[in-house]
Amino acid sequence: MEAEINPPRKFLPYLALILALLLISPPVRIWHFTSGNRWLYILLFSFLLSYGFTHVVRTKALRRGVLDYPNERKIHQTPTPLWGGIAIYLAFLCAVAANFIVSIEVAGIIVGGSILVFVGIIDDRNGLAAPLRLLAQIVAASIVIVSGVCLNIFPSSTLGNIGNILLTLLWIIGITDAFNFFDGMDGLAPGLGIITAFFLGVLSFQTFQPFLGWLCVAIIGGCSGFLPYNFRLRKPASIFLGDSGGAFLGFTLSSLAIMGEWADNNPVVSLSAPLLIFWIFIFDMVYITISRVANGKVGNLREWVEYTGKDHLHHRLALFLNSEKLTVCVIFLITMCLGLSATALRYARTIDALLLILQAAVIVLLVSILQKRGAQNNLTH
């Protein structure tokens, strides 16, 4: 067991934690702040903490038997530690605290995210009923809304405000669950976290919102520190995010997307930018919902919440590509393509935004054809 707990080069995580302590010293921090490298400081700090914390969390999960065991619904072949999301959460939290990135909105996102991390830790250890997880998501999203992070699509009125609140709940909970669903292949979820946060960060700096950009950089660093454990070229992942990590990343990123202002006086463009960045999650959620209802697999909301299966985008693409790592890379490329489209919207007209949304729909149609052909080939053989 000791050899399993301590992988080769076990000193590196502890070295990373020592370097993180050096970064937090006042002279180093002040130099980065005054030299205009605050984003780099946050990136390095969250990366080092995540890399070090992941090793510690992995050791704890192994000793306490918090493992994800293989079954017919899962791809991995060996029991793998969970709780990896705790490392990303702690790295993000420390980076925010050390860099004084504080506001009422950020506090609401952190409190809501902390609730989901806590619930996820329990779920990874003992298992929780799907309705209880959904209730926790509703509570967490409500805290974010109360803190002032809410969509502003409908005009200000009683009905308009109710509509904005309901859409915000649907967006946050939908993306939270969709992101969690993508934690099904090595490297997929943290990689998507990096790409999504990167493009949100680019938009933040494009629109002169550095405060929001620093939060995105903290997520990039946290996911990057976890990725070496979760995406290895010749070996399977040594630790998974678990429900705590997938839920935290989806919740935080979806909340940051609402928190930002992505266009000047053009609601269509402002809405289109995050839609493009999160398009892969939206597509997968819509596709599996329609597919499961059409095939009679779910008949009501409770059945939909509790249903689990190997019918998500990465499962279907893997049937066509016949390679898990290639599937992960293809999904990364699609997400990057759509993210690049979002960065082109800074000074775009409404028609430009609509054309890019149409382009995203065409890409999704192409992917749907490929994955359907993959499923047919699998049935044939």
Protein backbone atom coordinates (compact mmCIF):
# COMPACT_ATOMS: atom_id res chain seq x y z
CA MET A 1 0.00 0.00 0.00
CA GLU A 2 2.84 2.41 0.71
CA ALA A 3 4.12 2.11 -2.85
CA GLU A 4 0.62 2.81 -4.12
CA ILE A 5 0.22 5.88 -1.93
CA ASN A 6 3.59 7.33 -2.83
CA PRO A 7 4.17 7.43 -6.61
CA PRO A 8 7.62 8.09 -8.12
CA ARG A 9 9.16 11.50 -7.45
CA LYS A 10 7.03 11.86 -4.36
CA PHE A 11 9.15 14.82 -3.22
CA LEU A 12 7.80 17.05 -6.01
CA PRO A 13 4.39 17.74 -4.38
CA TYR A 14 6.07 18.79 -1.15
CA LEU A 15 8.52 20.94 -3.07
CA ALA A 16 5.53 22.60 -4.76
CA LEU A 17 3.99 23.41 -1.38
CA ILE A 18 7.28 24.90 -0.16
CA LEU A 19 7.51 27.09 -3.27
CA ALA A 20 3.92 28.20 -2.70
CA LEU A 21 4.87 29.30 0.80
CA LEU A 22 7.76 31.32 -0.66
CA LEU A 23 5.38 32.96 -3.14
CA ILE A 24 3.11 34.14 -0.35
CA SER A 25 5.93 36.05 1.35
CA PRO A 26 5.30 39.83 1.22
CA PRO A 27 8.38 40.80 -0.88
CA VAL A 28 7.58 38.29 -3.63
CA ARG A 29 3.89 39.11 -3.67
CA ILE A 30 4.43 42.88 -3.70
CA TRP A 31 6.93 42.59 -6.56
CA HIS A 32 4.45 40.68 -8.70
CA PHE A 33 1.64 43.11 -7.90
CA THR A 34 3.69 46.23 -8.70
CA SER A 35 5.26 44.78 -11.85
CA GLY A 36 1.90 44.04 -13.45
CA ASN A 37 2.30 40.27 -13.18
CA ARG A 38 -0.54 39.64 -10.76
CA TRP A 39 -2.17 37.14 -13.12
CA LEU A 40 1.09 35.18 -13.32
CA TYR A 41 1.42 35.21 -9.55
CA ILE A 42 -2.11 33.84 -9.12
CA LEU A 43 -1.48 31.19 -11.78
CA LEU A 44 1.75 29.96 -10.18
CA PHE A 45 0.35 30.08 -6.65
CA SER A 46 -2.80 28.10 -7.44
CA PHE A 47 -0.86 25.64 -9.62
CA LEU A 48 1.71 24.85 -6.93
CA LEU A 49 -0.91 24.49 -4.22
CA SER A 50 -3.11 22.24 -6.35
CA TYR A 51 -0.17 20.04 -7.37
CA GLY A 52 0.90 19.62 -3.75
CA PHE A 53 -2.59 19.27 -2.28
CA THR A 54 -3.58 16.64 -4.86
CA HIS A 55 -0.88 14.29 -3.60
CA VAL A 56 -2.01 14.82 0.00
CA VAL A 57 -5.68 14.32 -0.84
CA ARG A 58 -4.89 11.22 -2.91
CA THR A 59 -3.05 9.70 0.04
CA LYS A 60 -5.98 10.41 2.38
CA ALA A 61 -8.51 8.95 -0.08
CA LEU A 62 -6.49 5.76 -0.47
CA ARG A 63 -6.14 5.28 3.28
CA ARG A 64 -9.83 5.90 3.91
CA GLY A 65 -10.96 3.75 1.00
CA VAL A 66 -12.69 6.58 -0.89
CA LEU A 67 -12.37 4.90 -4.29
CA ASP A 68 -14.29 4.83 -7.53
CA TYR A 69 -14.77 1.15 -8.36
CA PRO A 70 -15.23 -0.06 -11.94
CA ASN A 71 -18.66 -1.21 -13.13
CA GLU A 72 -20.62 -1.52 -16.35
CA ARG A 73 -21.37 2.22 -16.39
CA LYS A 74 -17.73 3.32 -16.07
CA ILE A 75 -14.70 3.21 -18.32
CA HIS A 76 -11.79 2.84 -15.90
CA GLN A 77 -10.58 -0.66 -15.04
CA THR A 78 -9.07 -0.28 -11.56
CA PRO A 79 -10.29 1.28 -8.28
CA THR A 80 -9.20 4.93 -8.33
CA PRO A 81 -9.12 7.48 -5.48
CA LEU A 82 -11.69 10.28 -5.48
CA TRP A 83 -11.66 13.68 -3.71
CA GLY A 84 -9.32 15.29 -6.27
CA GLY A 85 -11.67 18.26 -6.43
CA ILE A 86 -10.76 19.15 -2.86
CA ALA A 87 -7.24 20.07 -4.01
CA ILE A 88 -8.56 22.40 -6.75
CA TYR A 89 -11.06 23.95 -4.35
CA LEU A 90 -8.40 24.65 -1.70
CA ALA A 91 -5.97 26.04 -4.28
CA PHE A 92 -8.67 28.37 -5.64
CA LEU A 93 -9.72 29.46 -2.15
CA CYS A 94 -6.14 30.20 -1.07
CA ALA A 95 -5.38 32.09 -4.29
CA VAL A 96 -8.46 34.27 -3.85
CA ALA A 97 -7.63 34.97 -0.18
CA ALA A 98 -3.93 35.65 -0.79
CA ASN A 99 -4.69 38.13 -3.56
CA PHE A 100 -7.55 39.93 -1.81
CA ILE A 101 -10.00 39.13 -4.63
CA VAL A 102 -13.02 39.83 -2.45
CA SER A 103 -16.50 41.17 -3.11
CA ILE A 104 -20.05 40.28 -2.12
CA GLU A 105 -20.51 38.45 -5.42
CA VAL A 106 -17.30 36.46 -4.99
CA ALA A 107 -18.26 35.61 -1.40
CA GLY A 108 -21.60 34.28 -2.64
CA ILE A 109 -19.89 32.11 -5.25
CA ILE A 110 -17.38 30.78 -2.71
CA VAL A 111 -20.08 29.97 -0.13
CA GLY A 112 -22.23 28.25 -2.74
CA GLY A 113 -19.24 26.35 -4.13
CA SER A 114 -18.18 25.32 -0.61
CA ILE A 115 -21.62 23.79 -0.02
CA LEU A 116 -21.28 21.69 -3.17
CA VAL A 117 -17.75 20.62 -2.25
CA PHE A 118 -18.94 19.52 1.20
CA VAL A 119 -21.91 17.63 -0.27
CA GLY A 120 -19.62 16.09 -2.91
CA ILE A 121 -17.18 14.84 -0.26
CA ILE A 122 -20.03 13.05 1.49
CA ASP A 123 -21.37 11.72 -1.79
CA ASP A 124 -17.95 10.36 -2.80
CA ARG A 125 -17.56 8.68 0.58
CA ASN A 126 -21.04 7.35 1.34
CA GLY A 127 -23.24 8.15 -1.64
CA LEU A 128 -26.18 10.56 -1.62
CA ALA A 129 -29.55 10.38 -3.31
CA ALA A 130 -29.77 12.47 -6.50
CA PRO A 131 -32.64 14.63 -5.13
CA LEU A 132 -30.46 15.66 -2.17
CA ARG A 133 -27.65 16.69 -4.51
CA LEU A 134 -30.13 18.67 -6.58
CA LEU A 135 -31.45 20.39 -3.44
CA ALA A 136 -27.88 21.38 -2.51
CA GLN A 137 -27.38 22.85 -5.98
CA ILE A 138 -30.58 24.88 -5.68
CA VAL A 139 -29.47 26.24 -2.30
CA ALA A 140 -25.98 27.08 -3.61
CA ALA A 141 -27.35 28.80 -6.72
CA SER A 142 -29.84 30.76 -4.59
CA ILE A 143 -26.98 32.08 -2.46
CA VAL A 144 -25.23 33.30 -5.60
CA ILE A 145 -28.41 35.05 -6.76
CA VAL A 146 -28.91 36.72 -3.37
CA SER A 147 -25.30 37.97 -3.54
CA GLY A 148 -26.15 39.86 -6.73
CA VAL A 149 -25.07 37.45 -9.49
CA CYS A 150 -28.13 37.05 -11.69
CA LEU A 151 -29.00 37.09 -15.37
CA ASN A 152 -30.60 40.27 -16.63
CA ILE A 153 -32.39 39.17 -19.77
CA PHE A 154 -35.97 40.23 -19.00
CA PRO A 155 -36.89 43.84 -18.15
CA SER A 156 -37.14 44.84 -14.52
CA SER A 157 -40.63 43.96 -13.27
CA THR A 158 -42.17 41.35 -11.00
CA LEU A 159 -42.54 38.80 -13.79
CA GLY A 160 -39.23 39.85 -15.38
CA ASN A 161 -37.34 39.41 -12.12
CA ILE A 162 -38.89 35.99 -11.55
CA GLY A 163 -37.93 35.01 -15.09
CA ASN A 164 -34.34 36.15 -14.58
CA ILE A 165 -34.08 34.21 -11.31
CA LEU A 166 -35.47 31.02 -12.87
CA LEU A 167 -33.13 31.30 -15.87
CA THR A 168 -30.18 31.84 -13.54
CA LEU A 169 -31.09 28.75 -11.53
CA LEU A 170 -31.47 26.74 -14.74
CA TRP A 171 -28.12 27.98 -16.10
CA ILE A 172 -26.08 27.34 -12.95
CA ILE A 173 -27.63 23.98 -12.09
CA GLY A 174 -27.59 22.83 -15.72
CA ILE A 175 -23.92 23.68 -16.27
CA THR A 176 -22.97 22.26 -12.85
CA ASP A 177 -24.52 18.89 -13.71
CA ALA A 178 -23.27 18.96 -17.31
CA PHE A 179 -19.70 19.62 -16.18
CA ASN A 180 -19.91 16.81 -13.64
CA PHE A 181 -21.03 14.43 -16.40
CA PHE A 182 -17.78 15.09 -18.28
CA ASP A 183 -15.70 13.65 -15.44
CA GLY A 184 -15.86 10.30 -17.20
CA MET A 185 -12.53 10.09 -19.01
CA ASP A 186 -8.99 10.77 -17.85
CA GLY A 187 -8.14 14.45 -18.11
CA LEU A 188 -11.44 15.49 -19.70
CA ALA A 189 -13.05 17.47 -16.87
CA PRO A 190 -9.94 19.36 -15.64
CA GLY A 191 -8.91 20.03 -19.24
CA LEU A 192 -12.32 21.49 -20.02
CA GLY A 193 -12.04 23.52 -16.81
CA ILE A 194 -8.76 25.01 -18.06
CA ILE A 195 -10.12 25.79 -21.54
CA THR A 196 -13.40 27.26 -20.28
CA ALA A 197 -11.70 29.39 -17.63
CA PHE A 198 -9.09 30.50 -20.19
CA PHE A 199 -11.64 31.89 -22.63
CA LEU A 200 -13.68 33.48 -19.85
CA GLY A 201 -10.42 35.06 -18.68
CA VAL A 202 -9.60 36.32 -22.17
CA LEU A 203 -13.04 37.92 -22.40
CA SER A 204 -12.57 39.41 -18.94
CA PHE A 205 -9.32 41.15 -19.89
CA GLN A 206 -10.79 42.15 -23.27
CA THR A 207 -13.67 43.88 -21.51
CA PHE A 208 -11.46 45.45 -18.82
CA GLN A 209 -12.62 43.22 -15.97
CA PRO A 210 -9.27 42.13 -14.45
CA PHE A 211 -10.94 41.19 -11.15
CA LEU A 212 -12.97 38.54 -12.95
CA GLY A 213 -9.95 37.52 -15.00
CA TRP A 214 -7.92 36.80 -11.86
CA LEU A 215 -10.63 34.43 -10.65
CA CYS A 216 -10.46 32.58 -13.96
CA VAL A 217 -6.67 32.38 -13.71
CA ALA A 218 -7.00 30.85 -10.22
CA ILE A 219 -9.18 28.10 -11.70
CA ILE A 220 -6.71 27.53 -14.55
CA GLY A 221 -3.87 27.11 -12.07
CA GLY A 222 -5.87 24.76 -9.87
CA CYS A 223 -6.91 22.51 -12.76
CA SER A 224 -3.38 22.58 -14.22
CA GLY A 225 -1.89 21.38 -10.94
CA PHE A 226 -4.37 18.49 -10.82
CA LEU A 227 -4.02 17.49 -14.50
CA PRO A 228 -0.65 15.60 -14.20
CA TYR A 229 -2.34 13.15 -11.83
CA ASN A 230 -5.48 12.78 -13.93
CA PHE A 231 -4.15 12.71 -17.50
CA ARG A 232 -1.09 10.50 -17.98
CA LEU A 233 0.09 9.33 -21.39
CA ARG A 234 0.99 5.73 -20.58
CA LYS A 235 -0.91 5.12 -17.34
CA PRO A 236 -4.49 5.57 -16.17
CA ALA A 237 -5.44 8.44 -13.89
CA SER A 238 -4.13 8.11 -10.33
CA ILE A 239 -7.02 10.18 -8.91
CA PHE A 240 -10.42 11.48 -10.07
CA LEU A 241 -12.10 14.80 -9.37
CA GLY A 242 -15.10 13.16 -7.76
CA ASP A 243 -18.48 14.85 -7.40
CA SER A 244 -16.94 17.55 -5.21
CA GLY A 245 -14.58 18.65 -7.99
CA GLY A 246 -16.91 18.43 -10.98
CA ALA A 247 -19.72 20.22 -9.17
CA PHE A 248 -17.40 22.93 -7.84
CA LEU A 249 -15.86 23.69 -11.24
CA GLY A 250 -19.18 23.70 -13.10
CA PHE A 251 -20.83 25.84 -10.43
CA THR A 252 -18.00 28.36 -10.19
CA LEU A 253 -17.46 28.75 -13.94
CA SER A 254 -21.17 29.11 -14.68
CA SER A 255 -21.48 31.74 -11.93
CA LEU A 256 -18.49 33.71 -13.24
CA ALA A 257 -20.07 33.71 -16.70
CA ILE A 258 -23.13 35.48 -15.26
CA MET A 259 -21.02 37.81 -13.14
CA GLY A 260 -19.25 39.28 -16.18
CA GLU A 261 -20.40 41.96 -18.63
CA TRP A 262 -19.40 40.71 -22.07
CA ALA A 263 -20.57 43.48 -24.42
CA ASP A 264 -21.48 47.17 -24.32
CA ASN A 265 -25.22 47.77 -24.74
CA ASN A 266 -25.76 44.65 -26.84
CA PRO A 267 -27.56 41.91 -24.89
CA VAL A 268 -27.43 39.44 -27.81
CA VAL A 269 -23.64 39.64 -28.04
CA SER A 270 -23.28 39.59 -24.23
CA LEU A 271 -25.36 36.42 -24.06
CA SER A 272 -23.73 34.76 -27.08
CA ALA A 273 -20.17 34.87 -25.70
CA PRO A 274 -20.73 32.57 -22.68
CA LEU A 275 -23.10 30.40 -24.74
CA LEU A 276 -20.29 29.67 -27.18
CA ILE A 277 -17.76 28.98 -24.43
CA PHE A 278 -20.13 26.57 -22.66
CA TRP A 279 -21.65 25.19 -25.88
CA ILE A 280 -20.23 21.68 -25.48
CA PHE A 281 -21.87 21.33 -22.05
CA ILE A 282 -25.19 22.72 -23.27
CA PHE A 283 -25.18 20.40 -26.27
CA ASP A 284 -24.46 17.29 -24.22
CA MET A 285 -27.18 18.11 -21.67
CA VAL A 286 -29.80 18.81 -24.35
CA TYR A 287 -28.81 15.75 -26.41
CA ILE A 288 -28.97 13.22 -23.58
CA THR A 289 -32.24 14.70 -22.29
CA ILE A 290 -33.97 14.42 -25.66
CA SER A 291 -32.44 10.99 -26.31
CA ARG A 292 -33.44 9.54 -22.94
CA VAL A 293 -36.99 10.86 -23.15
CA ALA A 294 -37.41 9.72 -26.77
CA ASN A 295 -36.11 6.24 -25.95
CA GLY A 296 -38.31 5.91 -22.87
CA LYS A 297 -35.38 5.73 -20.46
CA VAL A 298 -36.79 8.56 -18.31
CA GLY A 299 -40.39 9.62 -17.88
CA ASN A 300 -40.24 12.34 -15.23
CA LEU A 301 -37.88 14.73 -13.48
CA ARG A 302 -36.98 12.31 -10.69
CA GLU A 303 -36.04 9.58 -13.16
CA TRP A 304 -33.98 12.08 -15.16
CA VAL A 305 -32.10 13.22 -12.05
CA GLU A 306 -31.36 9.66 -10.92
CA TYR A 307 -30.53 8.15 -14.33
CA THR A 308 -26.89 7.38 -15.11
CA GLY A 309 -25.52 5.88 -18.28
CA LYS A 310 -22.77 5.79 -20.88
CA ASP A 311 -24.57 7.98 -23.41
CA HIS A 312 -22.69 11.25 -23.00
CA LEU A 313 -20.68 12.94 -25.73
CA HIS A 314 -17.34 11.41 -24.72
CA HIS A 315 -18.85 7.92 -24.56
CA ARG A 316 -20.42 8.23 -28.01
CA LEU A 317 -17.36 9.77 -29.63
CA ALA A 318 -15.13 7.05 -28.18
CA LEU A 319 -17.18 4.45 -30.05
CA PHE A 320 -16.35 6.24 -33.30
CA LEU A 321 -12.72 7.16 -32.57
CA ASN A 322 -11.87 3.94 -30.72
CA SER A 323 -9.50 5.82 -28.41
CA GLU A 324 -10.19 7.53 -25.09
CA LYS A 325 -7.26 9.92 -25.28
CA LEU A 326 -8.08 10.88 -28.87
CA THR A 327 -11.68 11.47 -27.82
CA VAL A 328 -10.53 13.78 -25.04
CA CYS A 329 -8.31 15.73 -27.47
CA VAL A 330 -11.13 16.06 -30.03
CA ILE A 331 -13.50 17.46 -27.38
CA PHE A 332 -10.77 19.89 -26.32
CA LEU A 333 -10.37 21.07 -29.94
CA ILE A 334 -14.12 21.56 -30.39
CA THR A 335 -14.31 23.57 -27.16
CA MET A 336 -11.31 25.69 -28.20
CA CYS A 337 -12.87 26.33 -31.61
CA LEU A 338 -16.07 27.61 -30.01
CA GLY A 339 -14.11 29.60 -27.44
CA LEU A 340 -12.16 31.35 -30.19
CA SER A 341 -15.47 32.32 -31.76
CA ALA A 342 -16.51 33.91 -28.46
CA THR A 343 -13.36 36.08 -28.36
CA ALA A 344 -14.28 37.48 -31.80
CA LEU A 345 -17.49 38.98 -30.40
CA ARG A 346 -15.88 41.92 -28.55
CA TYR A 347 -16.92 44.52 -31.16
CA ALA A 348 -19.33 42.33 -33.08
CA ARG A 349 -22.79 43.22 -34.34
CA THR A 350 -25.91 41.27 -33.46
CA ILE A 351 -25.85 39.52 -36.84
CA ASP A 352 -22.24 38.43 -36.24
CA ALA A 353 -23.20 36.86 -32.92
CA LEU A 354 -26.13 35.02 -34.49
CA LEU A 355 -23.93 33.72 -37.31
CA LEU A 356 -21.39 32.36 -34.82
CA ILE A 357 -24.19 30.66 -32.88
CA LEU A 358 -25.35 29.13 -36.18
CA GLN A 359 -21.78 27.98 -36.83
CA ALA A 360 -21.72 26.32 -33.41
CA ALA A 361 -24.97 24.54 -34.25
CA VAL A 362 -23.42 23.23 -37.49
CA ILE A 363 -20.39 21.93 -35.59
CA VAL A 364 -22.69 20.20 -33.13
CA LEU A 365 -24.67 18.67 -36.02
CA LEU A 366 -21.44 17.29 -37.48
CA VAL A 367 -20.46 15.81 -34.12
CA SER A 368 -23.91 14.26 -33.77
CA ILE A 369 -23.55 12.52 -37.13
CA LEU A 370 -20.15 11.13 -36.16
CA GLN A 371 -21.26 9.86 -32.78
CA LYS A 372 -24.38 8.27 -34.27
CA ARG A 373 -22.24 6.47 -36.83
CA GLY A 374 -19.97 5.32 -34.01
CA ALA A 375 -22.93 3.86 -32.12
CA GLN A 376 -24.13 2.07 -35.27
CA ASN A 377 -20.68 0.62 -35.91
CA ASN A 378 -20.50 -0.61 -32.33
CA LEU A 379 -23.84 -2.41 -32.68
CA THR A 380 -22.72 -3.93 -36.00
CA HIS A 381 -19.56 -5.38 -34.50
